Amino acid sequence: MLPKRKAIRQPLLGMLADRGGSARPKDLYGPLAEQFRLTAADLAETCGGDSKWQAMVREARDHLVLQGLIHPAKGEHRGVWTLTASGRRAAQDSPSAG
């Protein structure tokens, strides 16, 4: 079963922190799915022809951008999700960090 959208946010921050503060989205979808123990059936769910799981992760990222924890995808950050200084602190404060 897919997790609630809100539940993806903190693990996403932690995963970015574990990768030095930035990563390409394609490098996060699989490891996050493993962390949530998603099944092949979960990952096969689609919405509008797109992977529902990937859309949920992108939505979590968008929320974190609005909170100022991840840089917006423009300029040097285009195609790479990068933590802001606040995002690094939030990832360190997370009980799942490390």
Protein backbone atom coordinates (compact mmCIF):
# COMPACT_ATOMS: atom_id res chain seq x y z
CA MET A 1 0.00 0.00 0.00
CA LEU A 2 1.28 3.45 -0.90
CA PRO A 3 2.06 5.68 2.10
CA LYS A 4 0.29 8.93 2.85
CA ARG A 5 1.86 11.79 0.94
CA LYS A 6 2.90 13.57 4.14
CA ALA A 7 4.82 10.48 5.30
CA ILE A 8 7.22 10.75 2.33
CA ARG A 9 8.60 14.19 3.23
CA GLN A 10 10.94 13.43 6.12
CA PRO A 11 12.41 10.26 4.59
CA LEU A 12 13.03 12.25 1.41
CA LEU A 13 14.96 14.87 3.39
CA GLY A 14 16.95 12.15 5.12
CA MET A 15 17.75 10.38 1.86
CA LEU A 16 18.98 13.62 0.30
CA ALA A 17 21.14 14.28 3.38
CA ASP A 18 22.57 10.75 3.17
CA ARG A 19 23.57 11.49 -0.43
CA GLY A 20 25.52 14.62 0.46
CA GLY A 21 22.57 16.99 0.15
CA SER A 22 21.52 16.43 -3.45
CA ALA A 23 20.44 13.74 -5.88
CA ARG A 24 18.61 13.22 -9.13
CA PRO A 25 14.98 12.18 -8.64
CA LYS A 26 15.48 8.93 -10.56
CA ASP A 27 18.06 7.93 -7.95
CA LEU A 28 15.59 8.43 -5.10
CA TYR A 29 12.39 6.71 -6.27
CA GLY A 30 13.67 3.15 -5.84
CA PRO A 31 15.43 3.56 -2.48
CA LEU A 32 12.43 5.42 -1.06
CA ALA A 33 10.14 2.66 -2.32
CA GLU A 34 12.35 0.11 -0.56
CA GLN A 35 12.24 2.15 2.64
CA PHE A 36 8.44 2.04 2.52
CA ARG A 37 8.51 -1.65 1.53
CA LEU A 38 6.38 -1.05 -1.54
CA THR A 39 5.40 -4.03 -3.63
CA ALA A 40 5.60 -4.39 -7.40
CA ALA A 41 1.83 -3.87 -7.47
CA ASP A 42 2.20 -0.61 -5.53
CA LEU A 43 4.83 0.62 -7.98
CA ALA A 44 2.67 -0.39 -10.96
CA GLU A 45 -0.15 1.97 -9.95
CA THR A 46 -0.59 4.80 -12.39
CA CYS A 47 -2.43 8.08 -12.47
CA GLY A 48 -2.92 9.75 -15.83
CA GLY A 49 -0.34 7.43 -17.40
CA ASP A 50 2.33 8.41 -14.88
CA SER A 51 3.68 6.37 -11.99
CA LYS A 52 1.56 7.23 -8.97
CA TRP A 53 4.53 6.60 -6.66
CA GLN A 54 6.83 8.96 -8.56
CA ALA A 55 4.09 11.60 -8.66
CA MET A 56 3.70 11.31 -4.88
CA VAL A 57 7.44 11.71 -4.32
CA ARG A 58 7.52 14.76 -6.61
CA GLU A 59 4.55 16.21 -4.71
CA ALA A 60 6.40 15.68 -1.41
CA ARG A 61 9.41 17.45 -2.91
CA ASP A 62 7.23 20.34 -4.08
CA HIS A 63 5.89 20.75 -0.55
CA LEU A 64 9.46 20.80 0.81
CA VAL A 65 10.37 23.47 -1.75
CA LEU A 66 7.48 25.60 -0.49
CA GLN A 67 8.79 25.14 3.06
CA GLY A 68 12.24 26.32 1.94
CA LEU A 69 13.89 22.96 2.66
CA ILE A 70 14.75 22.05 -0.96
CA HIS A 71 15.93 24.49 -3.64
CA PRO A 72 13.50 25.24 -6.49
CA ALA A 73 14.35 23.45 -9.74
CA LYS A 74 15.95 26.26 -11.69
CA GLY A 75 19.44 27.30 -12.69
CA GLU A 76 22.12 25.09 -11.17
CA HIS A 77 19.48 23.02 -9.35
CA ARG A 78 17.51 22.01 -12.45
CA GLY A 79 17.21 18.23 -12.64
CA VAL A 80 18.78 17.76 -9.21
CA TRP A 81 17.00 17.99 -5.87
CA THR A 82 19.22 19.88 -3.44
CA LEU A 83 18.71 20.63 0.23
CA THR A 84 18.86 24.21 1.44
CA ALA A 85 20.69 25.02 4.68
CA SER A 86 17.32 24.78 6.45
CA GLY A 87 16.72 21.43 4.78
CA ARG A 88 20.05 20.11 6.03
CA ARG A 89 19.15 21.16 9.57
CA ALA A 90 15.70 19.58 9.30
CA ALA A 91 17.23 16.34 8.03
CA GLN A 92 19.66 16.29 10.98
CA ASP A 93 16.85 16.91 13.44
CA SER A 94 14.90 13.99 12.02
CA PRO A 95 14.59 10.87 14.16
CA SER A 96 15.18 8.81 10.98
CA ALA A 97 18.36 10.68 10.04
CA GLY A 98 21.60 8.77 9.78
